[in-house]
């Protein structure tokens, strides 16, 4: 797994978590 892919999945996961907590 490349570093870039790892970072993108992490930010995506963080974004989803943030959205879920906001709602």
C-alpha atoms as a PDB file:
ATOM      1  CA  UNK A   1       0.000   0.000   0.000  1.00  0.00           C
ATOM      2  CA  UNK A   2       1.440   3.356  -0.996  1.00  0.00           C
ATOM      3  CA  UNK A   3       1.766   6.252   1.410  1.00  0.00           C
ATOM      4  CA  UNK A   4      -0.501   8.477  -0.690  1.00  0.00           C
ATOM      5  CA  UNK A   5      -3.272   5.879  -0.713  1.00  0.00           C
ATOM      6  CA  UNK A   6      -2.970   5.505   3.058  1.00  0.00           C
ATOM      7  CA  UNK A   7      -3.223   9.271   3.588  1.00  0.00           C
ATOM      8  CA  UNK A   8      -6.249   9.594   1.297  1.00  0.00           C
ATOM      9  CA  UNK A   9      -8.129   6.791   3.040  1.00  0.00           C
ATOM     10  CA  UNK A  10      -7.261   8.318   6.382  1.00  0.00           C
ATOM     11  CA  UNK A  11      -8.567  11.759   5.407  1.00  0.00           C
ATOM     12  CA  UNK A  12     -11.652  10.174   3.876  1.00  0.00           C
ATOM     13  CA  UNK A  13     -12.282   8.246   7.089  1.00  0.00           C
ATOM     14  CA  UNK A  14     -11.732  11.388   9.177  1.00  0.00           C
ATOM     15  CA  UNK A  15     -14.110  13.328   6.954  1.00  0.00           C
ATOM     16  CA  UNK A  16     -16.843  10.684   7.312  1.00  0.00           C
ATOM     17  CA  UNK A  17     -16.332  10.542  11.073  1.00  0.00           C
ATOM     18  CA  UNK A  18     -16.518  14.335  11.310  1.00  0.00           C
ATOM     19  CA  UNK A  19     -19.715  14.434   9.268  1.00  0.00           C
ATOM     20  CA  UNK A  20     -21.291  11.689  11.363  1.00  0.00           C
ATOM     21  CA  UNK A  21     -20.472  13.484  14.615  1.00  0.00           C
ATOM     22  CA  UNK A  22     -21.768  16.792  13.234  1.00  0.00           C
ATOM     23  CA  UNK A  23     -25.150  15.254  12.369  1.00  0.00           C
END
